[in-house]
Amino acid sequence: MDRVLLGLVLHPTRDVSGIVEIIADWAARHGKGLAVRAEDRHRVPAMVEALPDDELPRRVSALISIGGDGTMLGALRMVVDDPKPVLGVHLGRLGFLIEVEPPELPAALDRLANKDFTVETHSCLVCDVCGDDVVAFNDIALVRQPGAGFVTATLAVDGQRYGYYRCDALVVSTPTGSTAYSYAAGGPLVSPATQAVVVTPSAPMAGISRSVVLSPDEKIRLELTPGSAPVAVEMDGLVIREAATEGTVDISFRREAGLVVRLDPRRYQERNQLKLSLLDLPLLPEQLRELLPEGLREQLNRRELPPPR
């Protein structure tokens, strides 16, 4: 029987070597296998197995995401067809999905191996973008190109024409994604425990000017109208189509599409409440640090990786 295999999902550009070394040392001492995508082979020790993109999700029992929320979203999308638990290790700046800081990593790995954790389920949006199938755990957005006019699109719900938009961007988000692009565009904060889809226009010039909150069972269609500016389509912040001037985006909601490892749900919730409160303060990062509790401020100032144990 194959030994337990944990998959590593790495931030695409940041140096992850220190964290990977801790995980590799822990895996060697506990008899666990590690795997990574073939394209990241050069970024990990030789004992980590390199697997093709389509084989990694099938072979691993869990994923460890090393980075920020973007890396975490990529890990969730990787196993969306066969959801596996994903443990997030923080290497970003203001992650809302990630619970584990580098100094906490050895203990977190012990708990992951012992199945001493809870799982937080996340929904996603299943989208047909002009014939291409994509999934988004945060949001899908139609975004105008600077200087080229406005996004002009109609909204239909369950086949019924609802209205139209003329705006800088049109964002459709999950409850998880309500704190991202939709929030920046003035949309509401939606509890992760809620099953809903939010449609929010950014800088609306005409048509629907407020966020629309829809049932997860309703089918959404956005269709560019003649004369719309060239539109980029973004999925979880990644551009998947550029300069579209026609076409439709069909969106449906999928429950329990992602499994996020939670070790201390109460502390995680308290951290996120603090992060949300800081978002509305027009201060520089170094000023924000002074508002944090002393213990958390000291931890951020240190940010040192612990020796393997």
C-alpha atoms as a PDB file:
ATOM      1  CA  MET A   1       0.000   0.000   0.000  1.00  0.00           C
ATOM      2  CA  ASP A   2       1.342   3.456  -0.880  1.00  0.00           C
ATOM      3  CA  ARG A   3       2.361   5.674   2.023  1.00  0.00           C
ATOM      4  CA  VAL A   4       0.438   8.857   2.752  1.00  0.00           C
ATOM      5  CA  LEU A   5       1.283  11.479   0.138  1.00  0.00           C
ATOM      6  CA  LEU A   6       0.927  15.190   0.868  1.00  0.00           C
ATOM      7  CA  GLY A   7       0.889  17.627  -2.044  1.00  0.00           C
ATOM      8  CA  LEU A   8       2.725  20.968  -1.917  1.00  0.00           C
ATOM      9  CA  VAL A   9       1.265  23.987  -3.723  1.00  0.00           C
ATOM     10  CA  LEU A  10       3.833  26.788  -3.892  1.00  0.00           C
ATOM     11  CA  HIS A  11       3.505  30.540  -4.311  1.00  0.00           C
ATOM     12  CA  PRO A  12       4.554  31.118  -7.928  1.00  0.00           C
ATOM     13  CA  THR A  13       7.257  33.723  -7.259  1.00  0.00           C
ATOM     14  CA  ARG A  14       8.130  34.060  -3.570  1.00  0.00           C
ATOM     15  CA  ASP A  15      10.934  32.149  -1.841  1.00  0.00           C
ATOM     16  CA  VAL A  16       9.313  29.167  -0.129  1.00  0.00           C
ATOM     17  CA  SER A  17      12.508  27.214   0.558  1.00  0.00           C
ATOM     18  CA  GLY A  18      12.523  27.717   4.344  1.00  0.00           C
ATOM     19  CA  ILE A  19       8.990  26.451   4.782  1.00  0.00           C
ATOM     20  CA  VAL A  20       9.490  23.575   2.340  1.00  0.00           C
ATOM     21  CA  GLU A  21      12.581  22.507   4.288  1.00  0.00           C
ATOM     22  CA  ILE A  22      10.575  22.322   7.526  1.00  0.00           C
ATOM     23  CA  ILE A  23       7.892  20.226   5.822  1.00  0.00           C
ATOM     24  CA  ALA A  24      10.482  17.942   4.186  1.00  0.00           C
ATOM     25  CA  ASP A  25      12.289  17.337   7.493  1.00  0.00           C
ATOM     26  CA  TRP A  26       8.986  16.608   9.214  1.00  0.00           C
ATOM     27  CA  ALA A  27       7.916  14.217   6.436  1.00  0.00           C
ATOM     28  CA  ALA A  28      11.206  12.308   6.589  1.00  0.00           C
ATOM     29  CA  ARG A  29      10.902  11.833  10.354  1.00  0.00           C
ATOM     30  CA  HIS A  30       7.272  10.716  10.144  1.00  0.00           C
ATOM     31  CA  GLY A  31       7.499   8.479   7.092  1.00  0.00           C
ATOM     32  CA  LYS A  32       5.238  10.659   4.936  1.00  0.00           C
ATOM     33  CA  GLY A  33       5.637  11.248   1.219  1.00  0.00           C
ATOM     34  CA  LEU A  34       5.568  14.647  -0.459  1.00  0.00           C
ATOM     35  CA  ALA A  35       4.627  15.547  -4.017  1.00  0.00           C
ATOM     36  CA  VAL A  36       4.696  18.691  -6.113  1.00  0.00           C
ATOM     37  CA  ARG A  37       3.709  19.683  -9.630  1.00  0.00           C
ATOM     38  CA  ALA A  38       6.357  18.817 -12.203  1.00  0.00           C
ATOM     39  CA  GLU A  39       6.847  22.503 -13.048  1.00  0.00           C
ATOM     40  CA  ASP A  40       7.967  23.159  -9.440  1.00  0.00           C
ATOM     41  CA  ARG A  41      10.483  20.278  -9.344  1.00  0.00           C
ATOM     42  CA  HIS A  42      13.449  22.689  -9.192  1.00  0.00           C
ATOM     43  CA  ARG A  43      12.086  24.457  -6.096  1.00  0.00           C
ATOM     44  CA  VAL A  44      11.949  21.461  -3.730  1.00  0.00           C
ATOM     45  CA  PRO A  45      14.384  18.863  -2.301  1.00  0.00           C
ATOM     46  CA  ALA A  46      15.093  15.675  -4.247  1.00  0.00           C
ATOM     47  CA  MET A  47      12.967  13.556  -1.885  1.00  0.00           C
ATOM     48  CA  VAL A  48       9.803  15.348  -3.066  1.00  0.00           C
ATOM     49  CA  GLU A  49       8.103  13.474  -5.907  1.00  0.00           C
ATOM     50  CA  ALA A  50       7.202  15.445  -9.040  1.00  0.00           C
ATOM     51  CA  LEU A  51       3.822  14.555 -10.574  1.00  0.00           C
ATOM     52  CA  PRO A  52       1.893  15.737 -13.653  1.00  0.00           C
ATOM     53  CA  ASP A  53      -0.864  18.270 -12.991  1.00  0.00           C
ATOM     54  CA  ASP A  54      -3.620  15.744 -13.668  1.00  0.00           C
ATOM     55  CA  GLU A  55      -2.079  13.066 -11.429  1.00  0.00           C
ATOM     56  CA  LEU A  56      -1.269  15.129  -8.342  1.00  0.00           C
ATOM     57  CA  PRO A  57      -4.902  15.732  -7.230  1.00  0.00           C
ATOM     58  CA  ARG A  58      -5.669  12.022  -7.534  1.00  0.00           C
ATOM     59  CA  ARG A  59      -2.613  10.739  -5.654  1.00  0.00           C
ATOM     60  CA  VAL A  60      -2.489  13.022  -2.614  1.00  0.00           C
ATOM     61  CA  SER A  61      -4.508  12.685   0.586  1.00  0.00           C
ATOM     62  CA  ALA A  62      -4.207  16.413   1.406  1.00  0.00           C
ATOM     63  CA  LEU A  63      -2.602  19.589   0.080  1.00  0.00           C
ATOM     64  CA  ILE A  64      -0.374  22.110   1.853  1.00  0.00           C
ATOM     65  CA  SER A  65      -0.637  25.572   0.312  1.00  0.00           C
ATOM     66  CA  ILE A  66       2.393  27.822   0.912  1.00  0.00           C
ATOM     67  CA  GLY A  67       1.633  31.452   0.079  1.00  0.00           C
ATOM     68  CA  GLY A  68      -1.281  33.843   0.337  1.00  0.00           C
ATOM     69  CA  ASP A  69      -4.960  33.599  -0.483  1.00  0.00           C
ATOM     70  CA  GLY A  70      -4.224  33.379  -4.221  1.00  0.00           C
ATOM     71  CA  THR A  71      -2.104  30.253  -3.719  1.00  0.00           C
ATOM     72  CA  MET A  72      -4.801  28.802  -1.471  1.00  0.00           C
ATOM     73  CA  LEU A  73      -7.482  29.403  -4.100  1.00  0.00           C
ATOM     74  CA  GLY A  74      -5.285  27.687  -6.682  1.00  0.00           C
ATOM     75  CA  ALA A  75      -4.936  24.659  -4.407  1.00  0.00           C
ATOM     76  CA  LEU A  76      -8.707  24.466  -3.930  1.00  0.00           C
ATOM     77  CA  ARG A  77      -9.271  24.665  -7.691  1.00  0.00           C
ATOM     78  CA  MET A  78      -6.690  21.920  -8.227  1.00  0.00           C
ATOM     79  CA  VAL A  79      -8.778  19.361  -6.305  1.00  0.00           C
ATOM     80  CA  VAL A  80     -12.258  20.722  -7.028  1.00  0.00           C
ATOM     81  CA  ASP A  81     -13.326  17.545  -8.865  1.00  0.00           C
ATOM     82  CA  ASP A  82     -12.263  15.355  -5.915  1.00  0.00           C
ATOM     83  CA  PRO A  83     -12.029  17.665  -2.885  1.00  0.00           C
ATOM     84  CA  LYS A  84      -9.152  16.982  -0.486  1.00  0.00           C
ATOM     85  CA  PRO A  85      -8.319  18.871   2.740  1.00  0.00           C
ATOM     86  CA  VAL A  86      -6.104  21.916   2.128  1.00  0.00           C
ATOM     87  CA  LEU A  87      -3.889  23.327   4.888  1.00  0.00           C
ATOM     88  CA  GLY A  88      -2.792  26.919   4.310  1.00  0.00           C
ATOM     89  CA  VAL A  89       0.618  28.185   5.503  1.00  0.00           C
ATOM     90  CA  HIS A  90       0.887  31.970   5.488  1.00  0.00           C
ATOM     91  CA  LEU A  91       3.440  33.630   3.238  1.00  0.00           C
ATOM     92  CA  GLY A  92       1.311  36.554   2.077  1.00  0.00           C
ATOM     93  CA  ARG A  93       0.282  39.892   3.545  1.00  0.00           C
ATOM     94  CA  LEU A  94      -3.400  39.770   4.491  1.00  0.00           C
ATOM     95  CA  GLY A  95      -4.724  36.263   3.913  1.00  0.00           C
ATOM     96  CA  PHE A  96      -8.331  35.587   4.900  1.00  0.00           C
ATOM     97  CA  LEU A  97      -8.318  31.862   4.106  1.00  0.00           C
ATOM     98  CA  ILE A  98      -5.040  30.888   5.765  1.00  0.00           C
ATOM     99  CA  GLU A  99      -4.741  29.988   9.427  1.00  0.00           C
ATOM    100  CA  VAL A 100      -1.191  28.698  10.041  1.00  0.00           C
ATOM    101  CA  GLU A 101       1.813  30.994  10.531  1.00  0.00           C
ATOM    102  CA  PRO A 102       5.297  29.532   9.854  1.00  0.00           C
ATOM    103  CA  PRO A 103       6.233  29.198  13.566  1.00  0.00           C
ATOM    104  CA  GLU A 104       3.103  27.044  14.056  1.00  0.00           C
ATOM    105  CA  LEU A 105       3.864  24.696  11.178  1.00  0.00           C
ATOM    106  CA  PRO A 106       5.404  21.643  12.930  1.00  0.00           C
ATOM    107  CA  ALA A 107       2.487  21.364  15.362  1.00  0.00           C
ATOM    108  CA  ALA A 108       0.007  21.884  12.518  1.00  0.00           C
ATOM    109  CA  LEU A 109       1.595  19.056  10.515  1.00  0.00           C
ATOM    110  CA  ASP A 110       1.334  16.739  13.541  1.00  0.00           C
ATOM    111  CA  ARG A 111      -2.362  17.503  13.808  1.00  0.00           C
ATOM    112  CA  LEU A 112      -2.868  17.050  10.073  1.00  0.00           C
ATOM    113  CA  ALA A 113      -1.244  13.610  10.228  1.00  0.00           C
ATOM    114  CA  ASN A 114      -3.339  12.627  13.260  1.00  0.00           C
ATOM    115  CA  LYS A 115      -6.540  13.937  11.629  1.00  0.00           C
ATOM    116  CA  ASP A 116      -6.924  16.278  14.604  1.00  0.00           C
ATOM    117  CA  PHE A 117      -8.663  19.081  12.723  1.00  0.00           C
ATOM    118  CA  THR A 118     -12.019  20.203  11.427  1.00  0.00           C
ATOM    119  CA  VAL A 119     -12.914  20.919   7.817  1.00  0.00           C
ATOM    120  CA  GLU A 120     -14.484  24.166   6.645  1.00  0.00           C
ATOM    121  CA  THR A 121     -16.390  23.645   3.406  1.00  0.00           C
ATOM    122  CA  HIS A 122     -16.337  26.269   0.667  1.00  0.00           C
ATOM    123  CA  SER A 123     -18.621  26.761  -2.297  1.00  0.00           C
ATOM    124  CA  CYS A 124     -17.476  27.724  -5.770  1.00  0.00           C
ATOM    125  CA  LEU A 125     -18.894  29.189  -8.965  1.00  0.00           C
ATOM    126  CA  VAL A 126     -19.003  26.859 -11.960  1.00  0.00           C
ATOM    127  CA  CYS A 127     -18.765  29.053 -15.043  1.00  0.00           C
ATOM    128  CA  ASP A 128     -19.121  28.649 -18.772  1.00  0.00           C
ATOM    129  CA  VAL A 129     -17.118  31.550 -20.183  1.00  0.00           C
ATOM    130  CA  CYS A 130     -17.886  31.751 -23.885  1.00  0.00           C
ATOM    131  CA  GLY A 131     -17.720  27.957 -24.075  1.00  0.00           C
ATOM    132  CA  ASP A 132     -14.767  27.438 -21.690  1.00  0.00           C
ATOM    133  CA  ASP A 133     -15.440  25.729 -18.340  1.00  0.00           C
ATOM    134  CA  VAL A 134     -13.805  27.332 -15.271  1.00  0.00           C
ATOM    135  CA  VAL A 135     -14.394  27.326 -11.520  1.00  0.00           C
ATOM    136  CA  ALA A 136     -13.927  30.248  -9.115  1.00  0.00           C
ATOM    137  CA  PHE A 137     -13.851  30.062  -5.319  1.00  0.00           C
ATOM    138  CA  ASN A 138     -13.764  33.840  -4.856  1.00  0.00           C
ATOM    139  CA  ASP A 139     -15.275  35.500  -7.894  1.00  0.00           C
ATOM    140  CA  ILE A 140     -15.573  35.870 -11.615  1.00  0.00           C
ATOM    141  CA  ALA A 141     -15.374  39.399 -12.992  1.00  0.00           C
ATOM    142  CA  LEU A 142     -15.891  41.236 -16.264  1.00  0.00           C
ATOM    143  CA  VAL A 143     -13.450  44.156 -16.284  1.00  0.00           C
ATOM    144  CA  ARG A 144     -13.143  47.022 -18.759  1.00  0.00           C
ATOM    145  CA  GLN A 145      -9.834  47.884 -20.357  1.00  0.00           C
ATOM    146  CA  PRO A 146      -8.601  51.332 -19.244  1.00  0.00           C
ATOM    147  CA  GLY A 147      -9.561  54.085 -21.655  1.00  0.00           C
ATOM    148  CA  ALA A 148     -11.756  51.843 -23.782  1.00  0.00           C
ATOM    149  CA  GLY A 149     -15.251  52.599 -22.480  1.00  0.00           C
ATOM    150  CA  PHE A 150     -17.438  50.576 -20.125  1.00  0.00           C
ATOM    151  CA  VAL A 151     -18.587  47.042 -19.491  1.00  0.00           C
ATOM    152  CA  THR A 152     -22.139  46.874 -20.824  1.00  0.00           C
ATOM    153  CA  ALA A 153     -23.927  43.616 -20.063  1.00  0.00           C
ATOM    154  CA  THR A 154     -27.351  42.222 -19.275  1.00  0.00           C
ATOM    155  CA  LEU A 155     -28.223  40.036 -16.301  1.00  0.00           C
ATOM    156  CA  ALA A 156     -30.625  37.092 -16.595  1.00  0.00           C
ATOM    157  CA  VAL A 157     -31.658  34.875 -13.662  1.00  0.00           C
ATOM    158  CA  ASP A 158     -33.124  31.449 -14.442  1.00  0.00           C
ATOM    159  CA  GLY A 159     -33.674  32.609 -18.006  1.00  0.00           C
ATOM    160  CA  GLN A 160     -35.571  35.751 -16.999  1.00  0.00           C
ATOM    161  CA  ARG A 161     -34.038  39.063 -18.081  1.00  0.00           C
ATOM    162  CA  TYR A 162     -33.349  41.039 -14.900  1.00  0.00           C
ATOM    163  CA  GLY A 163     -31.730  44.272 -16.072  1.00  0.00           C
ATOM    164  CA  TYR A 164     -28.509  45.675 -17.455  1.00  0.00           C
ATOM    165  CA  TYR A 165     -25.211  47.141 -16.247  1.00  0.00           C
ATOM    166  CA  ARG A 166     -22.938  49.866 -17.527  1.00  0.00           C
ATOM    167  CA  CYS A 167     -19.908  49.993 -15.248  1.00  0.00           C
ATOM    168  CA  ASP A 168     -16.152  49.654 -14.890  1.00  0.00           C
ATOM    169  CA  ALA A 169     -16.386  46.030 -13.745  1.00  0.00           C
ATOM    170  CA  LEU A 170     -19.029  43.473 -12.924  1.00  0.00           C
ATOM    171  CA  VAL A 171     -18.173  41.031 -10.116  1.00  0.00           C
ATOM    172  CA  VAL A 172     -19.980  37.796  -9.242  1.00  0.00           C
ATOM    173  CA  SER A 173     -18.769  36.363  -5.936  1.00  0.00           C
ATOM    174  CA  THR A 174     -19.249  33.526  -3.483  1.00  0.00           C
ATOM    175  CA  PRO A 175     -19.626  34.268   0.254  1.00  0.00           C
ATOM    176  CA  THR A 176     -15.874  33.641   0.604  1.00  0.00           C
ATOM    177  CA  GLY A 177     -15.173  36.076  -2.222  1.00  0.00           C
ATOM    178  CA  SER A 178     -17.431  38.750  -0.736  1.00  0.00           C
ATOM    179  CA  THR A 179     -14.400  40.134   1.159  1.00  0.00           C
ATOM    180  CA  ALA A 180     -12.347  40.487  -2.045  1.00  0.00           C
ATOM    181  CA  TYR A 181     -13.173  42.304  -5.320  1.00  0.00           C
ATOM    182  CA  SER A 182     -16.881  42.607  -4.528  1.00  0.00           C
ATOM    183  CA  TYR A 183     -16.114  44.232  -1.173  1.00  0.00           C
ATOM    184  CA  ALA A 184     -13.725  46.691  -2.824  1.00  0.00           C
ATOM    185  CA  ALA A 185     -16.512  47.601  -5.255  1.00  0.00           C
ATOM    186  CA  GLY A 186     -18.895  48.374  -2.379  1.00  0.00           C
ATOM    187  CA  GLY A 187     -20.580  44.995  -2.060  1.00  0.00           C
ATOM    188  CA  PRO A 188     -21.806  43.491   1.229  1.00  0.00           C
ATOM    189  CA  LEU A 189     -19.895  41.202   3.547  1.00  0.00           C
ATOM    190  CA  VAL A 190     -21.541  37.782   3.413  1.00  0.00           C
ATOM    191  CA  SER A 191     -21.051  35.188   6.155  1.00  0.00           C
ATOM    192  CA  PRO A 192     -19.201  32.071   4.963  1.00  0.00           C
ATOM    193  CA  ALA A 193     -22.046  30.076   6.517  1.00  0.00           C
ATOM    194  CA  THR A 194     -24.482  31.641   4.034  1.00  0.00           C
ATOM    195  CA  GLN A 195     -25.357  30.009   0.714  1.00  0.00           C
ATOM    196  CA  ALA A 196     -25.628  32.896  -1.745  1.00  0.00           C
ATOM    197  CA  VAL A 197     -24.217  34.540  -4.868  1.00  0.00           C
ATOM    198  CA  VAL A 198     -23.515  38.290  -4.971  1.00  0.00           C
ATOM    199  CA  VAL A 199     -23.473  40.361  -8.182  1.00  0.00           C
ATOM    200  CA  THR A 200     -21.791  43.753  -7.671  1.00  0.00           C
ATOM    201  CA  PRO A 201     -21.075  46.511 -10.224  1.00  0.00           C
ATOM    202  CA  SER A 202     -17.983  48.659  -9.789  1.00  0.00           C
ATOM    203  CA  ALA A 203     -18.418  52.376 -10.556  1.00  0.00           C
ATOM    204  CA  PRO A 204     -21.833  51.936 -12.228  1.00  0.00           C
ATOM    205  CA  MET A 205     -22.788  54.623 -14.735  1.00  0.00           C
ATOM    206  CA  ALA A 206     -26.272  53.352 -15.631  1.00  0.00           C
ATOM    207  CA  GLY A 207     -28.564  50.393 -15.157  1.00  0.00           C
ATOM    208  CA  ILE A 208     -28.394  48.329 -11.951  1.00  0.00           C
ATOM    209  CA  SER A 209     -26.292  50.262  -9.464  1.00  0.00           C
ATOM    210  CA  ARG A 210     -26.500  48.104  -6.310  1.00  0.00           C
ATOM    211  CA  SER A 211     -25.370  44.630  -5.338  1.00  0.00           C
ATOM    212  CA  VAL A 212     -27.847  41.863  -6.065  1.00  0.00           C
ATOM    213  CA  VAL A 213     -27.879  38.828  -3.735  1.00  0.00           C
ATOM    214  CA  LEU A 214     -29.207  35.653  -5.327  1.00  0.00           C
ATOM    215  CA  SER A 215     -30.078  32.137  -4.229  1.00  0.00           C
ATOM    216  CA  PRO A 216     -27.476  29.416  -4.846  1.00  0.00           C
ATOM    217  CA  ASP A 217     -30.067  27.507  -6.858  1.00  0.00           C
ATOM    218  CA  GLU A 218     -30.588  30.300  -9.394  1.00  0.00           C
ATOM    219  CA  LYS A 219     -28.716  30.185 -12.699  1.00  0.00           C
ATOM    220  CA  ILE A 220     -27.016  33.429 -13.734  1.00  0.00           C
ATOM    221  CA  ARG A 221     -26.233  34.603 -17.233  1.00  0.00           C
ATOM    222  CA  LEU A 222     -24.231  37.729 -18.082  1.00  0.00           C
ATOM    223  CA  GLU A 223     -24.240  38.722 -21.746  1.00  0.00           C
ATOM    224  CA  LEU A 224     -22.225  41.515 -23.302  1.00  0.00           C
ATOM    225  CA  THR A 225     -24.392  43.852 -25.330  1.00  0.00           C
ATOM    226  CA  PRO A 226     -23.470  45.340 -28.714  1.00  0.00           C
ATOM    227  CA  GLY A 227     -21.231  48.340 -28.199  1.00  0.00           C
ATOM    228  CA  SER A 228     -19.672  47.107 -24.969  1.00  0.00           C
ATOM    229  CA  ALA A 229     -16.030  48.023 -24.498  1.00  0.00           C
ATOM    230  CA  PRO A 230     -13.467  45.219 -24.812  1.00  0.00           C
ATOM    231  CA  VAL A 231     -13.744  43.188 -21.600  1.00  0.00           C
ATOM    232  CA  ALA A 232     -11.238  41.042 -19.733  1.00  0.00           C
ATOM    233  CA  VAL A 233     -12.630  38.092 -17.780  1.00  0.00           C
ATOM    234  CA  GLU A 234     -10.945  37.378 -14.446  1.00  0.00           C
ATOM    235  CA  MET A 235     -11.317  34.203 -12.394  1.00  0.00           C
ATOM    236  CA  ASP A 236     -10.115  34.561  -8.769  1.00  0.00           C
ATOM    237  CA  GLY A 237      -7.996  37.486  -9.961  1.00  0.00           C
ATOM    238  CA  LEU A 238      -6.434  35.608 -12.895  1.00  0.00           C
ATOM    239  CA  VAL A 239      -7.119  36.837 -16.426  1.00  0.00           C
ATOM    240  CA  ILE A 240      -8.575  33.975 -18.461  1.00  0.00           C
ATOM    241  CA  ARG A 241      -9.854  35.949 -21.461  1.00  0.00           C
ATOM    242  CA  GLU A 242      -8.778  39.306 -22.848  1.00  0.00           C
ATOM    243  CA  ALA A 243     -10.516  41.934 -24.979  1.00  0.00           C
ATOM    244  CA  ALA A 244     -13.833  40.098 -25.445  1.00  0.00           C
ATOM    245  CA  THR A 245     -16.480  42.247 -27.131  1.00  0.00           C
ATOM    246  CA  GLU A 246     -19.250  39.659 -27.289  1.00  0.00           C
ATOM    247  CA  GLY A 247     -20.297  36.441 -25.597  1.00  0.00           C
ATOM    248  CA  THR A 248     -21.957  35.117 -22.457  1.00  0.00           C
ATOM    249  CA  VAL A 249     -20.925  33.898 -19.027  1.00  0.00           C
ATOM    250  CA  ASP A 250     -23.202  31.288 -17.430  1.00  0.00           C
ATOM    251  CA  ILE A 251     -22.729  30.815 -13.698  1.00  0.00           C
ATOM    252  CA  SER A 252     -24.024  28.222 -11.255  1.00  0.00           C
ATOM    253  CA  PHE A 253     -23.240  27.568  -7.586  1.00  0.00           C
ATOM    254  CA  ARG A 254     -21.622  24.356  -6.301  1.00  0.00           C
ATOM    255  CA  ARG A 255     -21.765  23.533  -2.612  1.00  0.00           C
ATOM    256  CA  GLU A 256     -18.928  21.879  -0.638  1.00  0.00           C
ATOM    257  CA  ALA A 257     -16.486  22.171  -3.528  1.00  0.00           C
ATOM    258  CA  GLY A 258     -13.478  22.916  -1.302  1.00  0.00           C
ATOM    259  CA  LEU A 259     -12.269  21.614   2.067  1.00  0.00           C
ATOM    260  CA  VAL A 260     -10.125  23.963   4.169  1.00  0.00           C
ATOM    261  CA  VAL A 261      -8.318  22.593   7.236  1.00  0.00           C
ATOM    262  CA  ARG A 262      -9.148  24.447  10.453  1.00  0.00           C
ATOM    263  CA  LEU A 263      -7.121  23.823  13.617  1.00  0.00           C
ATOM    264  CA  ASP A 264      -8.574  26.544  15.854  1.00  0.00           C
ATOM    265  CA  PRO A 265     -11.757  27.916  14.242  1.00  0.00           C
ATOM    266  CA  ARG A 266     -12.402  30.426  17.034  1.00  0.00           C
ATOM    267  CA  ARG A 267      -8.950  32.000  16.841  1.00  0.00           C
ATOM    268  CA  TYR A 268      -9.154  32.014  13.037  1.00  0.00           C
ATOM    269  CA  GLN A 269     -12.468  33.893  13.200  1.00  0.00           C
ATOM    270  CA  GLU A 270     -11.048  36.442  15.642  1.00  0.00           C
ATOM    271  CA  ARG A 271      -8.058  37.063  13.355  1.00  0.00           C
ATOM    272  CA  ASN A 272     -10.318  37.621  10.363  1.00  0.00           C
ATOM    273  CA  GLN A 273     -12.529  40.030  12.293  1.00  0.00           C
ATOM    274  CA  LEU A 274      -9.401  42.042  13.096  1.00  0.00           C
ATOM    275  CA  LYS A 275      -8.269  41.987   9.454  1.00  0.00           C
ATOM    276  CA  LEU A 276     -11.686  43.156   8.276  1.00  0.00           C
ATOM    277  CA  SER A 277     -11.666  46.047  10.743  1.00  0.00           C
ATOM    278  CA  LEU A 278      -8.229  47.112   9.479  1.00  0.00           C
ATOM    279  CA  LEU A 279      -9.400  47.180   5.854  1.00  0.00           C
ATOM    280  CA  ASP A 280     -11.511  50.254   6.525  1.00  0.00           C
ATOM    281  CA  LEU A 281      -8.685  52.222   8.133  1.00  0.00           C
ATOM    282  CA  PRO A 282      -6.841  54.551   5.701  1.00  0.00           C
ATOM    283  CA  LEU A 283      -3.444  53.867   7.285  1.00  0.00           C
ATOM    284  CA  LEU A 284      -0.074  52.656   6.036  1.00  0.00           C
ATOM    285  CA  PRO A 285       1.033  49.081   6.904  1.00  0.00           C
ATOM    286  CA  GLU A 286       3.551  50.259   9.533  1.00  0.00           C
ATOM    287  CA  GLN A 287       0.784  52.310  11.178  1.00  0.00           C
ATOM    288  CA  LEU A 288      -1.549  49.318  11.213  1.00  0.00           C
ATOM    289  CA  ARG A 289       1.031  47.264  13.085  1.00  0.00           C
ATOM    290  CA  GLU A 290       0.828  49.656  15.998  1.00  0.00           C
ATOM    291  CA  LEU A 291      -2.895  48.911  16.347  1.00  0.00           C
ATOM    292  CA  LEU A 292      -2.369  45.160  16.712  1.00  0.00           C
ATOM    293  CA  PRO A 293      -2.297  43.413  20.117  1.00  0.00           C
ATOM    294  CA  GLU A 294       1.251  43.313  21.493  1.00  0.00           C
ATOM    295  CA  GLY A 295       1.640  39.548  21.173  1.00  0.00           C
ATOM    296  CA  LEU A 296       0.565  39.513  17.532  1.00  0.00           C
ATOM    297  CA  ARG A 297       2.723  42.559  16.765  1.00  0.00           C
ATOM    298  CA  GLU A 298       5.799  40.836  18.231  1.00  0.00           C
ATOM    299  CA  GLN A 299       5.042  37.716  16.217  1.00  0.00           C
ATOM    300  CA  LEU A 300       4.825  39.709  12.992  1.00  0.00           C
ATOM    301  CA  ASN A 301       8.070  41.502  13.808  1.00  0.00           C
ATOM    302  CA  ARG A 302       9.883  38.207  14.329  1.00  0.00           C
ATOM    303  CA  ARG A 303       8.406  36.042  11.562  1.00  0.00           C
ATOM    304  CA  GLU A 304      11.286  33.620  12.120  1.00  0.00           C
ATOM    305  CA  LEU A 305      11.022  29.980  11.087  1.00  0.00           C
ATOM    306  CA  PRO A 306      11.476  27.557  14.003  1.00  0.00           C
ATOM    307  CA  PRO A 307      14.063  24.790  13.940  1.00  0.00           C
ATOM    308  CA  PRO A 308      12.643  21.363  12.985  1.00  0.00           C
ATOM    309  CA  ARG A 309      11.583  19.267  15.976  1.00  0.00           C
END
